[in-house]
Amino acid sequence: MPKKRRRVVQQVTPAIPYHKYRVHWIDILSDSGWADEREFNKMRLSHPVNEGWLYSKDKDAIRLFASYDREDDGAFTFGDRTMIPLSCVKKMVKI
């Protein structure tokens, strides 16, 4: 019996001059309701994880975006934008 050939499908991804990252960071947790000491002591900071392309990083913050559109002239427009204070970033992993 002849071997079946695997069909290879290539995905075409337009070149993008940004690197993709997974960012682990710490965020504020707040609650406007009433609580006793026991409940208050149970509060913990949030530990969100964001994935996206790193738009920029400076001494104060990083800027990520998770979606984009490329115009006919090559210009980008960005969606799902997030700005995180650098002091809140715990780990950045290039993916």
N, C-alpha and C. Protein backbone atom coordinates (compact mmCIF):
# COMPACT_ATOMS: atom_id res chain seq x y z
N MET A 1 0.84 -1.17 0.00
CA MET A 1 0.00 0.00 0.00
C MET A 1 0.89 1.25 0.00
N PRO A 2 0.65 2.19 -0.91
CA PRO A 2 1.50 3.39 -0.98
C PRO A 2 1.32 4.27 0.25
N LYS A 3 2.40 4.94 0.62
CA LYS A 3 2.35 5.86 1.76
C LYS A 3 1.53 7.09 1.41
N LYS A 4 0.78 7.56 2.39
CA LYS A 4 0.02 8.79 2.20
C LYS A 4 0.98 9.97 2.33
N ARG A 5 0.81 10.91 1.46
CA ARG A 5 1.64 12.12 1.54
C ARG A 5 0.98 13.12 2.47
N ARG A 6 1.79 13.72 3.29
CA ARG A 6 1.29 14.77 4.17
C ARG A 6 1.20 16.07 3.39
N ARG A 7 0.12 16.73 3.55
CA ARG A 7 -0.06 18.02 2.91
C ARG A 7 0.47 19.10 3.85
N VAL A 8 1.38 19.88 3.38
CA VAL A 8 1.97 20.95 4.18
C VAL A 8 1.30 22.26 3.79
N VAL A 9 0.75 22.92 4.78
CA VAL A 9 0.10 24.21 4.55
C VAL A 9 0.98 25.28 5.16
N GLN A 10 1.41 26.20 4.34
CA GLN A 10 2.23 27.29 4.84
C GLN A 10 1.34 28.45 5.23
N GLN A 11 1.65 28.99 6.39
CA GLN A 11 0.94 30.19 6.82
C GLN A 11 1.78 31.39 6.43
N VAL A 12 1.17 32.33 5.78
CA VAL A 12 1.88 33.53 5.36
C VAL A 12 1.61 34.61 6.39
N THR A 13 2.66 35.02 7.06
CA THR A 13 2.55 36.07 8.06
C THR A 13 3.36 37.26 7.57
N PRO A 14 2.73 38.41 7.42
CA PRO A 14 3.50 39.57 6.97
C PRO A 14 4.58 39.92 7.99
N ALA A 15 5.69 40.39 7.49
CA ALA A 15 6.79 40.78 8.38
C ALA A 15 6.31 41.88 9.32
N ILE A 16 6.64 41.72 10.57
CA ILE A 16 6.27 42.72 11.57
C ILE A 16 7.52 43.01 12.40
N PRO A 17 7.86 44.27 12.57
CA PRO A 17 9.12 44.62 13.23
C PRO A 17 9.04 44.66 14.76
N TYR A 18 8.22 43.80 15.34
CA TYR A 18 8.05 43.77 16.79
C TYR A 18 8.20 42.32 17.25
N HIS A 19 8.69 42.13 18.47
CA HIS A 19 8.84 40.79 19.04
C HIS A 19 7.68 40.50 19.97
N LYS A 20 7.26 39.24 19.99
CA LYS A 20 6.14 38.82 20.82
C LYS A 20 6.66 38.39 22.20
N TYR A 21 5.92 38.79 23.26
CA TYR A 21 6.32 38.49 24.63
C TYR A 21 5.13 38.01 25.46
N ARG A 22 5.46 37.24 26.47
CA ARG A 22 4.51 36.90 27.54
C ARG A 22 5.02 37.67 28.77
N VAL A 23 4.16 38.52 29.32
CA VAL A 23 4.56 39.40 30.43
C VAL A 23 3.77 39.01 31.68
N HIS A 24 4.50 38.69 32.74
CA HIS A 24 3.91 38.40 34.05
C HIS A 24 4.09 39.67 34.89
N TRP A 25 3.00 40.11 35.50
CA TRP A 25 3.09 41.36 36.27
C TRP A 25 2.14 41.33 37.45
N ILE A 26 2.25 42.34 38.29
CA ILE A 26 1.42 42.45 39.48
C ILE A 26 0.49 43.66 39.32
N ASP A 27 -0.78 43.47 39.70
CA ASP A 27 -1.76 44.54 39.55
C ASP A 27 -2.48 44.77 40.88
N ILE A 28 -3.07 45.92 40.99
CA ILE A 28 -3.84 46.32 42.17
C ILE A 28 -5.09 45.46 42.30
N LEU A 29 -5.50 45.21 43.52
CA LEU A 29 -6.79 44.58 43.80
C LEU A 29 -7.53 45.53 44.74
N SER A 30 -8.75 45.85 44.39
CA SER A 30 -9.53 46.72 45.26
C SER A 30 -10.93 46.17 45.41
N ASP A 31 -11.58 46.59 46.48
CA ASP A 31 -12.94 46.15 46.78
C ASP A 31 -13.61 47.28 47.55
N SER A 32 -14.77 47.71 47.09
CA SER A 32 -15.44 48.83 47.76
C SER A 32 -16.45 48.37 48.80
N GLY A 33 -16.56 47.06 49.00
CA GLY A 33 -17.52 46.54 49.99
C GLY A 33 -16.94 46.52 51.39
N TRP A 34 -17.83 46.24 52.37
CA TRP A 34 -17.41 46.14 53.76
C TRP A 34 -16.84 44.76 54.03
N ALA A 35 -15.81 44.70 54.91
CA ALA A 35 -15.17 43.43 55.25
C ALA A 35 -14.61 43.50 56.65
N ASP A 36 -14.60 42.36 57.32
CA ASP A 36 -13.96 42.31 58.64
C ASP A 36 -12.46 42.07 58.45
N GLU A 37 -11.71 42.03 59.56
CA GLU A 37 -10.26 41.87 59.50
C GLU A 37 -9.85 40.58 58.80
N ARG A 38 -10.56 39.50 59.06
CA ARG A 38 -10.22 38.20 58.46
C ARG A 38 -10.31 38.28 56.93
N GLU A 39 -11.41 38.85 56.43
CA GLU A 39 -11.58 38.99 54.99
C GLU A 39 -10.54 39.95 54.39
N PHE A 40 -10.27 41.03 55.12
CA PHE A 40 -9.29 42.01 54.64
C PHE A 40 -7.91 41.38 54.54
N ASN A 41 -7.54 40.57 55.51
CA ASN A 41 -6.23 39.91 55.51
C ASN A 41 -6.10 38.87 54.38
N LYS A 42 -7.21 38.40 53.83
CA LYS A 42 -7.17 37.43 52.74
C LYS A 42 -6.90 38.07 51.38
N MET A 43 -6.98 39.40 51.29
CA MET A 43 -6.77 40.08 50.01
C MET A 43 -5.35 39.84 49.50
N ARG A 44 -5.24 39.56 48.22
CA ARG A 44 -3.95 39.35 47.57
C ARG A 44 -3.91 40.16 46.28
N LEU A 45 -2.73 40.55 45.90
CA LEU A 45 -2.57 41.25 44.63
C LEU A 45 -2.89 40.32 43.48
N SER A 46 -3.31 40.88 42.37
CA SER A 46 -3.56 40.09 41.16
C SER A 46 -2.24 39.85 40.44
N HIS A 47 -2.16 38.71 39.75
CA HIS A 47 -0.94 38.34 39.01
C HIS A 47 -1.31 38.03 37.56
N PRO A 48 -1.67 39.07 36.78
CA PRO A 48 -2.07 38.84 35.40
C PRO A 48 -0.90 38.47 34.49
N VAL A 49 -1.22 37.86 33.37
CA VAL A 49 -0.25 37.53 32.33
C VAL A 49 -0.81 38.08 31.01
N ASN A 50 -0.02 38.87 30.33
CA ASN A 50 -0.40 39.41 29.02
C ASN A 50 0.54 38.83 27.96
N GLU A 51 -0.01 38.58 26.78
CA GLU A 51 0.80 38.20 25.64
C GLU A 51 0.54 39.19 24.52
N GLY A 52 1.60 39.59 23.86
CA GLY A 52 1.45 40.49 22.74
C GLY A 52 2.80 40.92 22.22
N TRP A 53 2.75 41.78 21.22
CA TRP A 53 3.98 42.30 20.65
C TRP A 53 4.43 43.51 21.47
N LEU A 54 5.72 43.58 21.74
CA LEU A 54 6.29 44.69 22.50
C LEU A 54 6.47 45.88 21.57
N TYR A 55 5.68 46.91 21.81
CA TYR A 55 5.76 48.13 21.00
C TYR A 55 6.93 48.99 21.47
N SER A 56 7.03 49.17 22.81
CA SER A 56 8.14 49.96 23.35
C SER A 56 8.37 49.64 24.81
N LYS A 57 9.55 49.98 25.27
CA LYS A 57 9.93 49.82 26.67
C LYS A 57 10.86 50.98 27.00
N ASP A 58 10.56 51.67 28.11
CA ASP A 58 11.44 52.73 28.57
C ASP A 58 11.65 52.58 30.08
N LYS A 59 12.18 53.58 30.73
CA LYS A 59 12.48 53.46 32.15
C LYS A 59 11.23 53.40 33.03
N ASP A 60 10.07 53.79 32.48
CA ASP A 60 8.85 53.83 33.26
C ASP A 60 7.84 52.73 32.95
N ALA A 61 7.76 52.30 31.68
CA ALA A 61 6.67 51.40 31.31
C ALA A 61 7.00 50.59 30.06
N ILE A 62 6.20 49.54 29.86
CA ILE A 62 6.22 48.82 28.59
C ILE A 62 4.86 49.02 27.93
N ARG A 63 4.86 48.95 26.61
CA ARG A 63 3.63 49.06 25.83
C ARG A 63 3.53 47.83 24.94
N LEU A 64 2.41 47.11 25.08
CA LEU A 64 2.14 45.92 24.29
C LEU A 64 0.90 46.13 23.43
N PHE A 65 0.81 45.38 22.34
CA PHE A 65 -0.44 45.32 21.58
C PHE A 65 -0.67 43.86 21.18
N ALA A 66 -1.93 43.48 21.12
CA ALA A 66 -2.27 42.09 20.83
C ALA A 66 -2.88 41.91 19.45
N SER A 67 -3.21 43.00 18.77
CA SER A 67 -3.70 42.90 17.40
C SER A 67 -3.26 44.14 16.62
N TYR A 68 -3.21 43.96 15.31
CA TYR A 68 -2.80 45.08 14.47
C TYR A 68 -3.42 44.93 13.08
N ASP A 69 -3.37 46.04 12.35
CA ASP A 69 -3.81 46.05 10.97
C ASP A 69 -2.71 46.74 10.18
N ARG A 70 -2.43 46.22 9.02
CA ARG A 70 -1.40 46.81 8.18
C ARG A 70 -2.07 47.47 6.98
N GLU A 71 -1.83 48.73 6.82
CA GLU A 71 -2.42 49.50 5.72
C GLU A 71 -1.69 49.18 4.41
N ASP A 72 -2.29 49.57 3.30
CA ASP A 72 -1.69 49.33 1.98
C ASP A 72 -0.31 49.98 1.85
N ASP A 73 -0.13 51.11 2.53
CA ASP A 73 1.16 51.81 2.45
C ASP A 73 2.19 51.26 3.44
N GLY A 74 1.82 50.19 4.19
CA GLY A 74 2.76 49.57 5.13
C GLY A 74 2.63 50.08 6.55
N ALA A 75 1.86 51.14 6.77
CA ALA A 75 1.70 51.69 8.13
C ALA A 75 0.86 50.74 8.99
N PHE A 76 1.13 50.74 10.29
CA PHE A 76 0.40 49.90 11.23
C PHE A 76 -0.63 50.71 12.00
N THR A 77 -1.74 50.07 12.35
CA THR A 77 -2.63 50.56 13.38
C THR A 77 -2.72 49.45 14.41
N PHE A 78 -2.81 49.81 15.68
CA PHE A 78 -2.69 48.87 16.78
C PHE A 78 -3.99 48.74 17.56
N GLY A 79 -4.29 47.52 18.01
CA GLY A 79 -5.46 47.27 18.83
C GLY A 79 -5.09 46.48 20.07
N ASP A 80 -6.01 46.40 21.01
CA ASP A 80 -5.79 45.67 22.27
C ASP A 80 -4.49 46.12 22.93
N ARG A 81 -4.37 47.41 23.12
CA ARG A 81 -3.15 48.01 23.66
C ARG A 81 -3.15 47.98 25.18
N THR A 82 -1.98 47.72 25.74
CA THR A 82 -1.81 47.70 27.19
C THR A 82 -0.51 48.40 27.55
N MET A 83 -0.57 49.26 28.56
CA MET A 83 0.62 49.92 29.08
C MET A 83 0.77 49.49 30.54
N ILE A 84 1.93 48.94 30.88
CA ILE A 84 2.17 48.41 32.23
C ILE A 84 3.36 49.13 32.84
N PRO A 85 3.22 49.67 34.06
CA PRO A 85 4.38 50.28 34.73
C PRO A 85 5.50 49.24 34.87
N LEU A 86 6.72 49.63 34.54
CA LEU A 86 7.85 48.71 34.59
C LEU A 86 8.07 48.17 36.00
N SER A 87 7.73 48.96 37.01
CA SER A 87 7.90 48.51 38.39
C SER A 87 6.96 47.37 38.76
N CYS A 88 5.91 47.15 37.96
CA CYS A 88 4.96 46.06 38.20
C CYS A 88 5.31 44.78 37.44
N VAL A 89 6.22 44.88 36.47
CA VAL A 89 6.60 43.73 35.66
C VAL A 89 7.53 42.82 36.44
N LYS A 90 7.16 41.55 36.53
CA LYS A 90 7.97 40.56 37.25
C LYS A 90 8.82 39.72 36.32
N LYS A 91 8.29 39.43 35.11
CA LYS A 91 9.04 38.59 34.17
C LYS A 91 8.53 38.85 32.76
N MET A 92 9.45 38.89 31.80
CA MET A 92 9.12 39.00 30.38
C MET A 92 9.79 37.85 29.65
N VAL A 93 8.99 37.07 28.91
CA VAL A 93 9.52 35.93 28.18
C VAL A 93 9.24 36.14 26.70
N LYS A 94 10.29 36.12 25.88
CA LYS A 94 10.12 36.27 24.44
C LYS A 94 9.52 34.97 23.90
N ILE A 95 8.43 35.08 23.11
CA ILE A 95 7.79 33.87 22.56
C ILE A 95 7.76 33.92 21.04
